[in-house]
Amino acid sequence: MLEQDSRGFFAKQQHVAAFLQNASRDDLVLTTMPSMDSVSRPSYNYTNEVHQLEMRLQSLSPMQLTEITFFDGKLNLAFGMLATLMLAYGATAEEMLLHSFGETSVVHDSGVAVWKKKLLTSRIRPTTLIQSVHPERSFKLWDNQTVQGKHFQARIRVMPHSEFPSGSSCVCQTIEEFVTTLWPFLLSVPYAAEATPVILPSTSLAIIPGTLQPNPSSSGYTATSLNERCGATRLEGGMHFSQAVPAGTHLSTGMGYEAATKVLSLVPNHTSSSVRAVINATAPCAATCCSNVEPCTPAAQAGCSSQCKDSWDLPWFDIVQARMTLLGLPSREVATSMPFLQVRRQHVLLLSFFISVTPEILMHETIFQFRLTNTWDNVFWNSVAANHPKLQAIRYGRSRNASSPIVRSGVFTSDARIRTGLAAAAAILPHIAPNAEKDFRASFAFNLLQPTIGFEAALTAQCGAPEDAVDFDEGCLKSYFSSSPSPARLG
């Protein structure tokens, strides 16, 4: 399949991830593989389906056209929810990471499940059917366009895999379930799936950080409306026939709840006190130093920096200027008012990393995007747990169940958690997304902290290179950390 981004970039893609037809629970991060028999094969009348598809494409509104593009990119949803947690609900970096690890886990797991079903079903896409069966027929599309069938294209890119079931409806069903199960424990305000915004309105969040896509909705999205529009836009854009969306929803029902339950098990005693109380985030080092509307003098800034010299601290920087840069704010006055006042240095560095690797993530096919984002989220969450007295980890690739991290540092600050996470994320970068290194080196997070990219030479000398390891030597890793404790070694 040849595709292009309307800006001069062309890419040719062959059928991908064919191995997933044999996927099993062993290929999932947190959840159970649903039964493939729970969804019957479609029984399409393709003449009627093509007619209905043409009618939908003729009646697309400007809002629908924007939403079709927005919901096609699942990172738009991920970054939109993270920004909403931060700005609307004052979530700490650790709370955002708990959500993000669970959200990317269930998106990955539901993605694997639906790819398996696609490969077992193998149904033709509307684009291919129309081009092959109706090459000379005229089709009237959005904006009063008319094209011959042989030139027909859906509103956006159509992936080279089976039409049935819809991957998007499968994934977004699990997002609604996951958020609806987790967020009541996460937020300090009452939560309702039909009423609580999970992505802020465009009046408050015009551009999605990370992807820079416009937010289509002036009223925002709740978990319920996000799920509904995510599935509906696949029909409206001409990527699917009618039975694919409800089938995707049915296939993944229950996976989001299962994932949220597993994620909550990482926070002991969350039922007797809030997740926020258990995590017990701490303010950044010198959090309020030179954080007012008026910028400080160089001497005052140097005084702020001198307060953050411990190796477990995040270095001091002008948080007001950082908010302006990260969120595109017009002035220091805006950056020091609500809701932007809630953005801490820990948020800035965390988002700086994820924004820097996003271009490389987007160059991967969708199912591999899911795996990359979840892998980084896993090491970030485990870094939080390693700098906490009680939080549990998920040992990547070894278990789906909560367990103690290999090492607890004894340093229980939010600065230590984020600094460790960035060291860990940089360590695995060459192994999972080597082409992201250039963008990461240009990022604010890298230039501030200068983490080692790849595993430290001392680690591989002592414990061996991961790619050469026959078994996992937990004792060696503990010894490596304890010989010279630091966030770099812990990460």
Protein backbone atom coordinates (compact mmCIF):
# COMPACT_ATOMS: atom_id res chain seq x y z
CA MET A 1 0.00 0.00 0.00
CA LEU A 2 1.36 3.42 -0.98
CA GLU A 3 0.29 6.25 1.31
CA GLN A 4 1.17 9.91 1.74
CA ASP A 5 0.61 12.60 4.36
CA SER A 6 -0.52 15.41 1.98
CA ARG A 7 2.77 17.22 2.74
CA GLY A 8 5.04 15.40 0.31
CA PHE A 9 5.90 12.37 2.45
CA PHE A 10 5.24 9.00 0.78
CA ALA A 11 5.57 5.56 2.37
CA LYS A 12 4.99 2.10 0.98
CA GLN A 13 3.72 -0.52 3.37
CA GLN A 14 3.23 -4.25 3.00
CA HIS A 15 0.93 -6.44 5.10
CA VAL A 16 2.29 -6.32 8.64
CA ALA A 17 2.13 -8.32 11.87
CA ALA A 18 0.89 -11.51 10.18
CA PHE A 19 2.41 -13.48 13.10
CA LEU A 20 -0.34 -12.14 15.39
CA GLN A 21 -2.83 -14.69 14.07
CA ASN A 22 -1.08 -17.03 16.52
CA ALA A 23 -1.05 -14.53 19.39
CA SER A 24 -1.91 -15.83 22.85
CA ARG A 25 -2.11 -14.51 26.39
CA ASP A 26 1.69 -14.71 26.51
CA ASP A 27 1.79 -11.81 24.04
CA LEU A 28 -0.33 -9.52 26.25
CA VAL A 29 0.92 -7.17 28.97
CA LEU A 30 -1.84 -7.17 31.60
CA THR A 31 -5.01 -8.81 30.35
CA THR A 32 -6.52 -12.08 29.12
CA MET A 33 -6.92 -12.86 25.42
CA PRO A 34 -10.64 -12.74 24.58
CA SER A 35 -12.26 -15.66 22.80
CA MET A 36 -12.08 -15.22 19.04
CA ASP A 37 -15.39 -17.12 18.85
CA SER A 38 -17.18 -14.33 20.74
CA VAL A 39 -17.47 -12.39 17.46
CA SER A 40 -19.07 -14.05 14.45
CA ARG A 41 -17.83 -13.54 10.92
CA PRO A 42 -19.64 -10.71 9.11
CA SER A 43 -22.39 -11.39 6.61
CA TYR A 44 -22.24 -8.35 4.33
CA ASN A 45 -24.48 -7.41 1.43
CA TYR A 46 -21.73 -5.45 -0.28
CA THR A 47 -24.10 -3.65 -2.67
CA ASN A 48 -25.98 -2.17 0.28
CA GLU A 49 -22.78 -1.54 2.24
CA VAL A 50 -21.20 0.46 -0.60
CA HIS A 51 -24.37 2.55 -0.97
CA GLN A 52 -24.49 3.31 2.77
CA LEU A 53 -20.80 4.18 2.78
CA GLU A 54 -21.27 6.64 -0.09
CA MET A 55 -24.18 8.30 1.73
CA ARG A 56 -22.07 8.73 4.86
CA LEU A 57 -19.18 10.25 2.91
CA GLN A 58 -21.50 12.73 1.16
CA SER A 59 -22.84 14.13 4.41
CA LEU A 60 -19.63 14.72 6.37
CA SER A 61 -19.58 17.96 8.33
CA PRO A 62 -16.39 20.00 8.97
CA MET A 63 -16.42 18.73 12.56
CA GLN A 64 -16.64 15.12 11.39
CA LEU A 65 -13.82 15.62 8.91
CA THR A 66 -11.57 16.88 11.70
CA GLU A 67 -12.62 14.13 14.09
CA ILE A 68 -11.86 11.39 11.55
CA THR A 69 -8.23 12.50 11.50
CA PHE A 70 -8.09 13.10 15.24
CA PHE A 71 -9.36 9.69 16.29
CA ASP A 72 -7.21 7.90 13.74
CA GLY A 73 -4.14 8.80 15.81
CA LYS A 74 -4.33 7.06 19.18
CA LEU A 75 -1.47 9.21 20.48
CA ASN A 76 -3.86 12.16 20.16
CA LEU A 77 -6.06 10.45 22.73
CA ALA A 78 -3.13 9.47 24.96
CA PHE A 79 -1.60 12.97 25.05
CA GLY A 80 -5.06 14.56 25.32
CA MET A 81 -5.88 12.53 28.43
CA LEU A 82 -2.48 13.24 29.99
CA ALA A 83 -2.88 16.98 29.40
CA THR A 84 -6.37 16.85 30.89
CA LEU A 85 -5.20 15.00 33.98
CA MET A 86 -2.49 17.62 34.47
CA LEU A 87 -4.46 20.79 33.70
CA ALA A 88 -8.03 19.95 34.69
CA TYR A 89 -7.39 17.73 37.71
CA GLY A 90 -3.94 18.74 38.93
CA ALA A 91 -2.52 15.21 38.58
CA THR A 92 1.05 14.70 39.64
CA ALA A 93 3.60 13.19 37.28
CA GLU A 94 3.34 9.85 39.11
CA GLU A 95 -0.46 9.81 38.80
CA MET A 96 -0.15 10.53 35.09
CA LEU A 97 2.33 7.66 34.75
CA LEU A 98 0.03 5.25 36.57
CA HIS A 99 -2.76 6.15 34.15
CA SER A 100 -0.48 6.09 31.11
CA PHE A 101 1.05 2.70 31.91
CA GLY A 102 -2.40 1.17 32.25
CA GLU A 103 -3.84 2.96 29.23
CA THR A 104 -1.03 1.96 26.89
CA SER A 105 -1.11 -1.60 28.29
CA VAL A 106 -4.76 -2.09 27.47
CA VAL A 107 -4.44 -0.34 24.11
CA HIS A 108 -1.60 -2.74 23.28
CA ASP A 109 -3.47 -5.82 24.53
CA SER A 110 -6.72 -4.98 22.75
CA GLY A 111 -4.71 -4.13 19.64
CA VAL A 112 -3.09 -7.57 19.63
CA ALA A 113 -6.48 -9.24 20.18
CA VAL A 114 -8.17 -7.39 17.32
CA TRP A 115 -5.22 -7.97 14.96
CA LYS A 116 -5.54 -11.70 15.70
CA LYS A 117 -9.24 -11.59 14.85
CA LYS A 118 -8.58 -9.56 11.69
CA LEU A 119 -6.09 -12.13 10.47
CA LEU A 120 -8.46 -15.00 11.22
CA THR A 121 -11.35 -13.24 9.44
CA SER A 122 -9.63 -11.53 6.46
CA ARG A 123 -12.32 -9.26 5.00
CA ILE A 124 -11.80 -6.82 2.13
CA ARG A 125 -11.56 -3.08 2.80
CA PRO A 126 -14.04 -0.65 1.18
CA THR A 127 -11.26 1.04 -0.80
CA THR A 128 -10.12 -2.21 -2.42
CA LEU A 129 -13.65 -3.43 -3.06
CA ILE A 130 -14.79 -0.19 -4.72
CA GLN A 131 -11.64 0.14 -6.83
CA SER A 132 -11.92 -3.50 -7.97
CA VAL A 133 -15.68 -3.99 -8.39
CA HIS A 134 -16.85 -0.48 -9.36
CA PRO A 135 -13.88 1.07 -11.24
CA GLU A 136 -15.98 3.13 -13.70
CA ARG A 137 -18.82 4.11 -11.37
CA SER A 138 -18.95 7.73 -10.19
CA PHE A 139 -18.97 8.30 -6.44
CA LYS A 140 -20.01 11.56 -4.81
CA LEU A 141 -17.99 12.30 -1.68
CA TRP A 142 -17.51 15.09 0.87
CA ASP A 143 -17.23 18.70 -0.31
CA ASN A 144 -19.20 17.74 -3.47
CA GLN A 145 -16.26 15.79 -4.91
CA THR A 146 -17.00 13.22 -7.57
CA VAL A 147 -14.51 10.46 -8.42
CA GLN A 148 -14.54 7.25 -10.37
CA GLY A 149 -14.40 4.07 -8.33
CA LYS A 150 -10.93 3.21 -9.56
CA HIS A 151 -9.66 6.41 -7.94
CA PHE A 152 -11.71 6.09 -4.74
CA GLN A 153 -9.95 6.69 -1.42
CA ALA A 154 -11.34 6.81 2.09
CA ARG A 155 -11.09 10.08 3.97
CA ILE A 156 -7.78 9.02 5.58
CA ARG A 157 -5.19 6.29 5.25
CA VAL A 158 -6.45 2.71 5.16
CA MET A 159 -4.16 0.15 6.71
CA PRO A 160 -3.20 -3.01 4.78
CA HIS A 161 -5.01 -5.48 7.00
CA SER A 162 -8.49 -6.91 7.32
CA GLU A 163 -11.53 -4.65 7.49
CA PHE A 164 -13.21 -6.73 10.23
CA PRO A 165 -13.32 -6.06 13.15
CA SER A 166 -12.50 -2.38 13.67
CA GLY A 167 -9.28 -1.94 15.60
CA SER A 168 -10.24 1.55 16.72
CA SER A 169 -13.59 0.52 18.20
CA CYS A 170 -11.86 -2.35 20.00
CA VAL A 171 -9.17 -0.09 21.46
CA CYS A 172 -11.51 2.75 22.45
CA GLN A 173 -13.93 0.40 24.19
CA THR A 174 -11.07 -0.62 26.46
CA ILE A 175 -10.04 3.00 27.02
CA GLU A 176 -13.55 3.86 28.25
CA GLU A 177 -13.61 0.85 30.57
CA PHE A 178 -10.09 1.50 31.86
CA VAL A 179 -10.64 5.19 32.59
CA THR A 180 -14.05 4.58 34.13
CA THR A 181 -12.56 2.01 36.52
CA LEU A 182 -9.32 3.86 37.39
CA TRP A 183 -10.18 7.54 37.48
CA PRO A 184 -12.65 7.42 40.41
CA PHE A 185 -9.62 6.42 42.53
CA LEU A 186 -7.35 8.95 40.81
CA LEU A 187 -9.38 12.17 40.78
CA SER A 188 -10.25 14.42 43.70
CA VAL A 189 -13.63 15.19 42.08
CA PRO A 190 -16.61 12.87 41.41
CA TYR A 191 -16.30 10.86 38.21
CA ALA A 192 -19.04 9.84 35.76
CA ALA A 193 -18.31 8.21 32.41
CA GLU A 194 -20.99 10.26 30.64
CA ALA A 195 -20.15 13.61 32.25
CA THR A 196 -16.51 13.91 33.39
CA PRO A 197 -14.18 15.30 30.69
CA VAL A 198 -11.27 13.01 29.83
CA ILE A 199 -10.12 15.38 27.07
CA LEU A 200 -10.68 19.08 27.70
CA PRO A 201 -12.69 21.26 25.29
CA SER A 202 -10.79 23.01 22.52
CA THR A 203 -11.40 26.30 24.32
CA SER A 204 -9.07 25.05 27.08
CA LEU A 205 -6.85 22.70 25.07
CA ALA A 206 -6.77 23.89 21.47
CA ILE A 207 -3.75 21.85 20.40
CA ILE A 208 -2.83 18.41 21.71
CA PRO A 209 0.70 18.49 23.18
CA GLY A 210 3.02 15.98 21.58
CA THR A 211 1.15 15.44 18.32
CA LEU A 212 0.23 19.12 17.72
CA GLN A 213 -3.12 18.02 16.30
CA PRO A 214 -6.08 20.40 16.73
CA ASN A 215 -8.64 19.36 19.33
CA PRO A 216 -11.89 19.01 17.33
CA SER A 217 -14.45 19.46 20.10
CA SER A 218 -15.52 22.70 21.73
CA SER A 219 -17.25 20.64 24.42
CA GLY A 220 -14.47 18.10 25.00
CA TYR A 221 -14.86 14.34 25.33
CA THR A 222 -16.02 12.17 28.17
CA ALA A 223 -14.98 8.52 28.29
CA THR A 224 -18.34 7.58 26.79
CA SER A 225 -18.31 10.15 23.98
CA LEU A 226 -14.66 9.40 23.21
CA ASN A 227 -15.51 5.73 22.74
CA GLU A 228 -18.59 6.48 20.65
CA ARG A 229 -16.89 8.98 18.33
CA CYS A 230 -13.74 6.87 18.02
CA GLY A 231 -15.79 4.02 16.56
CA ALA A 232 -18.25 6.10 14.57
CA THR A 233 -15.51 8.02 12.75
CA ARG A 234 -14.22 4.77 11.26
CA LEU A 235 -17.56 4.35 9.48
CA GLU A 236 -17.90 8.03 8.62
CA GLY A 237 -14.44 8.10 7.03
CA GLY A 238 -15.10 5.14 4.75
CA MET A 239 -12.54 2.80 6.35
CA HIS A 240 -15.07 0.15 7.40
CA PHE A 241 -18.39 -1.44 6.60
CA SER A 242 -21.23 -1.44 9.12
CA GLN A 243 -20.56 -4.59 11.17
CA ALA A 244 -16.89 -3.93 11.92
CA VAL A 245 -17.34 -1.27 14.62
CA PRO A 246 -19.82 -3.11 16.90
CA ALA A 247 -17.76 -6.28 16.46
CA GLY A 248 -14.60 -4.54 17.69
CA THR A 249 -16.46 -3.16 20.70
CA HIS A 250 -17.84 -6.60 21.56
CA LEU A 251 -14.49 -8.37 21.18
CA SER A 252 -12.66 -6.23 23.74
CA THR A 253 -15.44 -5.77 26.31
CA GLY A 254 -14.01 -6.45 29.75
CA MET A 255 -10.34 -5.92 28.90
CA GLY A 256 -10.29 -2.33 30.14
CA TYR A 257 -11.79 -3.29 33.47
CA GLU A 258 -9.27 -6.12 33.86
CA ALA A 259 -6.35 -3.80 33.09
CA ALA A 260 -7.52 -1.13 35.54
CA THR A 261 -7.88 -3.73 38.28
CA LYS A 262 -4.30 -4.87 37.67
CA VAL A 263 -3.04 -1.29 37.65
CA LEU A 264 -4.77 -0.51 40.94
CA SER A 265 -3.03 -3.53 42.46
CA LEU A 266 0.21 -1.58 42.01
CA VAL A 267 -1.02 0.91 44.64
CA PRO A 268 -1.42 -0.90 47.99
CA ASN A 269 -4.28 0.29 50.21
CA HIS A 270 -5.82 2.40 47.45
CA THR A 271 -9.30 1.42 48.65
CA SER A 272 -8.80 2.79 52.15
CA SER A 273 -7.20 6.01 50.98
CA SER A 274 -6.91 7.73 47.62
CA VAL A 275 -4.28 6.83 45.06
CA ARG A 276 -2.89 10.33 45.53
CA ALA A 277 -2.38 9.78 49.26
CA VAL A 278 -0.59 6.46 48.74
CA ILE A 279 1.71 7.77 46.00
CA ASN A 280 2.52 10.84 48.13
CA ALA A 281 4.16 12.95 45.43
CA THR A 282 6.58 15.63 46.57
CA ALA A 283 7.25 19.07 45.16
CA PRO A 284 10.35 19.59 42.99
CA CYS A 285 13.50 20.85 44.62
CA ALA A 286 13.26 24.66 45.06
CA ALA A 287 9.75 24.49 43.57
CA THR A 288 8.75 28.09 44.25
CA CYS A 289 12.14 29.70 43.67
CA CYS A 290 11.88 32.40 40.95
CA SER A 291 8.46 31.14 39.86
CA ASN A 292 6.66 34.49 39.67
CA VAL A 293 5.49 36.65 36.76
CA GLU A 294 8.62 38.78 36.82
CA PRO A 295 11.75 36.85 35.75
CA CYS A 296 14.54 36.68 38.29
CA THR A 297 17.99 38.15 37.90
CA PRO A 298 20.83 35.79 36.95
CA ALA A 299 22.11 35.97 40.51
CA ALA A 300 18.74 34.92 41.92
CA GLN A 301 18.49 32.08 39.42
CA ALA A 302 21.96 30.90 40.44
CA GLY A 303 20.73 30.86 44.02
CA CYS A 304 17.80 28.65 42.98
CA SER A 305 20.12 26.26 41.16
CA SER A 306 22.38 25.96 44.21
CA GLN A 307 19.48 24.46 46.19
CA CYS A 308 19.22 21.45 43.82
CA LYS A 309 22.68 19.90 43.82
CA ASP A 310 21.89 16.45 45.19
CA SER A 311 22.24 13.70 42.60
CA TRP A 312 18.62 12.63 43.21
CA ASP A 313 17.26 16.16 42.65
CA LEU A 314 16.00 17.46 39.36
CA PRO A 315 18.06 20.52 38.41
CA TRP A 316 16.36 23.85 38.83
CA PHE A 317 15.14 25.73 35.76
CA ASP A 318 12.72 28.59 35.12
CA ILE A 319 9.39 26.75 35.32
CA VAL A 320 7.44 29.75 34.03
CA GLN A 321 9.43 29.91 30.80
CA ALA A 322 9.26 26.12 30.51
CA ARG A 323 5.46 26.18 30.72
CA MET A 324 5.34 28.80 27.99
CA THR A 325 7.57 26.71 25.72
CA LEU A 326 5.89 23.37 26.41
CA LEU A 327 2.30 24.56 26.10
CA GLY A 328 2.69 27.48 23.70
CA LEU A 329 1.53 30.04 26.25
CA PRO A 330 1.71 33.72 25.24
CA SER A 331 3.06 35.29 28.42
CA ARG A 332 4.41 34.77 31.91
CA GLU A 333 1.13 36.13 33.24
CA VAL A 334 -0.77 33.26 31.64
CA ALA A 335 1.88 30.73 32.67
CA THR A 336 1.55 31.74 36.33
CA SER A 337 -2.25 31.48 36.41
CA MET A 338 -4.56 28.49 36.64
CA PRO A 339 -4.61 25.87 35.26
CA PHE A 340 -1.01 26.21 34.04
CA LEU A 341 0.26 27.02 37.53
CA GLN A 342 -0.13 23.28 38.28
CA VAL A 343 2.57 22.27 35.78
CA ARG A 344 5.72 21.34 37.70
CA ARG A 345 9.29 20.73 36.55
CA GLN A 346 8.61 17.00 36.85
CA HIS A 347 5.75 17.29 34.32
CA VAL A 348 7.90 19.30 31.94
CA LEU A 349 10.73 16.78 31.84
CA LEU A 350 8.40 13.80 31.53
CA LEU A 351 6.50 15.35 28.62
CA SER A 352 9.73 16.59 27.05
CA PHE A 353 10.90 12.99 26.73
CA PHE A 354 7.66 11.64 25.29
CA ILE A 355 7.30 14.53 22.85
CA SER A 356 10.86 13.99 21.61
CA VAL A 357 10.30 10.31 20.75
CA THR A 358 6.83 10.79 19.25
CA PRO A 359 8.02 11.41 15.64
CA GLU A 360 9.85 8.08 15.66
CA ILE A 361 6.89 6.28 17.26
CA LEU A 362 4.60 7.60 14.52
CA MET A 363 6.88 6.12 11.86
CA HIS A 364 5.92 2.64 13.07
CA GLU A 365 2.84 0.68 12.10
CA THR A 366 0.05 1.06 14.65
CA ILE A 367 0.50 -2.17 16.60
CA PHE A 368 4.22 -1.43 17.02
CA GLN A 369 3.39 2.12 18.16
CA PHE A 370 1.36 0.52 20.92
CA ARG A 371 4.28 -1.67 22.00
CA LEU A 372 6.81 1.17 22.03
CA THR A 373 4.70 3.55 24.10
CA ASN A 374 3.83 0.82 26.59
CA THR A 375 7.46 -0.28 26.98
CA TRP A 376 8.54 3.22 27.95
CA ASP A 377 5.55 3.64 30.25
CA ASN A 378 6.46 0.38 31.97
CA VAL A 379 10.02 1.46 32.77
CA PHE A 380 8.81 4.88 33.94
CA TRP A 381 6.25 3.34 36.30
CA ASN A 382 8.79 0.84 37.64
CA SER A 383 11.10 3.79 38.30
CA VAL A 384 8.34 5.39 40.37
CA ALA A 385 7.92 2.17 42.36
CA ALA A 386 11.68 1.81 42.91
CA ASN A 387 11.72 5.21 44.64
CA HIS A 388 8.73 4.51 46.87
CA PRO A 389 8.37 2.45 50.05
CA LYS A 390 5.22 0.55 49.00
CA LEU A 391 4.29 0.88 45.32
CA GLN A 392 4.50 -2.27 43.22
CA ALA A 393 6.02 -2.82 39.77
CA ILE A 394 5.26 -4.97 36.72
CA ARG A 395 8.45 -6.75 35.73
CA TYR A 396 8.64 -6.16 32.01
CA GLY A 397 8.28 -9.33 29.95
CA ARG A 398 8.41 -11.55 33.06
CA SER A 399 5.07 -11.20 34.84
CA ARG A 400 1.62 -9.64 34.63
CA ASN A 401 1.27 -9.45 38.38
CA ALA A 402 2.29 -6.78 40.87
CA SER A 403 5.58 -7.41 42.64
CA SER A 404 8.21 -5.45 44.50
CA PRO A 405 10.78 -3.71 42.30
CA ILE A 406 14.22 -5.31 42.16
CA VAL A 407 15.63 -2.47 44.27
CA ARG A 408 14.09 0.25 46.42
CA SER A 409 16.42 3.22 46.56
CA GLY A 410 15.35 4.60 49.92
CA VAL A 411 14.95 8.02 48.26
CA PHE A 412 11.23 8.66 48.12
CA THR A 413 10.90 11.97 46.26
CA SER A 414 9.13 12.75 43.01
CA ASP A 415 12.37 14.22 41.66
CA ALA A 416 14.11 10.88 42.22
CA ARG A 417 11.28 9.01 40.49
CA ILE A 418 11.35 11.15 37.35
CA ARG A 419 15.14 11.32 37.22
CA THR A 420 15.34 7.52 37.48
CA GLY A 421 12.64 7.11 34.84
CA LEU A 422 14.47 9.31 32.37
CA ALA A 423 17.69 7.36 32.94
CA ALA A 424 15.84 4.09 32.31
CA ALA A 425 14.07 5.43 29.22
CA ALA A 426 17.37 6.64 27.76
CA ALA A 427 19.02 3.29 28.52
CA ILE A 428 16.55 1.26 26.45
CA LEU A 429 16.17 3.82 23.65
CA PRO A 430 18.83 2.35 21.27
CA HIS A 431 17.32 -1.11 21.74
CA ILE A 432 13.70 -0.28 20.91
CA ALA A 433 13.76 2.94 18.85
CA PRO A 434 17.31 3.80 17.78
CA ASN A 435 16.16 6.36 15.22
CA ALA A 436 14.67 8.45 18.03
CA GLU A 437 18.10 9.24 19.45
CA LYS A 438 18.65 12.39 17.39
CA ASP A 439 15.36 13.96 18.49
CA PHE A 440 15.92 12.92 22.10
CA ARG A 441 19.38 14.51 22.11
CA ALA A 442 17.75 17.76 20.95
CA SER A 443 15.16 17.65 23.74
CA PHE A 444 15.08 19.82 26.84
CA ALA A 445 15.13 16.74 29.09
CA PHE A 446 18.30 15.36 27.55
CA ASN A 447 20.17 18.66 27.54
CA LEU A 448 19.31 19.28 31.19
CA LEU A 449 20.13 15.81 32.57
CA GLN A 450 22.53 14.31 29.97
CA PRO A 451 21.49 10.70 30.70
CA THR A 452 23.50 7.85 29.20
CA ILE A 453 21.88 6.60 26.01
CA GLY A 454 22.13 2.84 26.07
CA PHE A 455 23.28 0.71 28.98
CA GLU A 456 26.26 2.00 30.93
CA ALA A 457 29.54 0.26 30.13
CA ALA A 458 30.06 -0.54 33.81
CA LEU A 459 26.72 -2.36 33.92
CA THR A 460 27.33 -4.52 30.87
CA ALA A 461 30.88 -5.26 32.06
CA GLN A 462 29.57 -6.44 35.42
CA CYS A 463 26.30 -8.12 34.44
CA GLY A 464 26.62 -8.70 30.69
CA ALA A 465 24.78 -7.21 27.72
CA PRO A 466 21.01 -7.88 27.69
CA GLU A 467 21.10 -9.29 24.17
CA ASP A 468 23.71 -11.86 25.26
CA ALA A 469 22.06 -12.85 28.53
CA VAL A 470 20.87 -16.45 28.91
CA ASP A 471 19.10 -15.72 32.18
CA PHE A 472 18.15 -12.71 34.26
CA ASP A 473 20.68 -12.08 37.07
CA GLU A 474 18.73 -10.09 39.64
CA GLY A 475 21.52 -10.34 42.20
CA CYS A 476 24.04 -8.76 39.83
CA LEU A 477 21.76 -5.78 39.24
CA LYS A 478 21.29 -5.28 42.99
CA SER A 479 25.04 -5.40 43.52
CA TYR A 480 25.62 -2.94 40.67
CA PHE A 481 23.25 -0.40 42.23
CA SER A 482 24.37 -0.80 45.82
CA SER A 483 28.03 -0.29 44.94
CA SER A 484 27.31 3.32 43.96
CA PRO A 485 23.63 4.30 44.44
CA SER A 486 22.33 6.90 41.99
CA PRO A 487 19.28 7.46 39.80
CA ALA A 488 21.39 6.63 36.74
CA ARG A 489 22.32 3.22 38.16
CA LEU A 490 18.81 2.56 39.44
CA GLY A 491 17.34 3.45 36.04
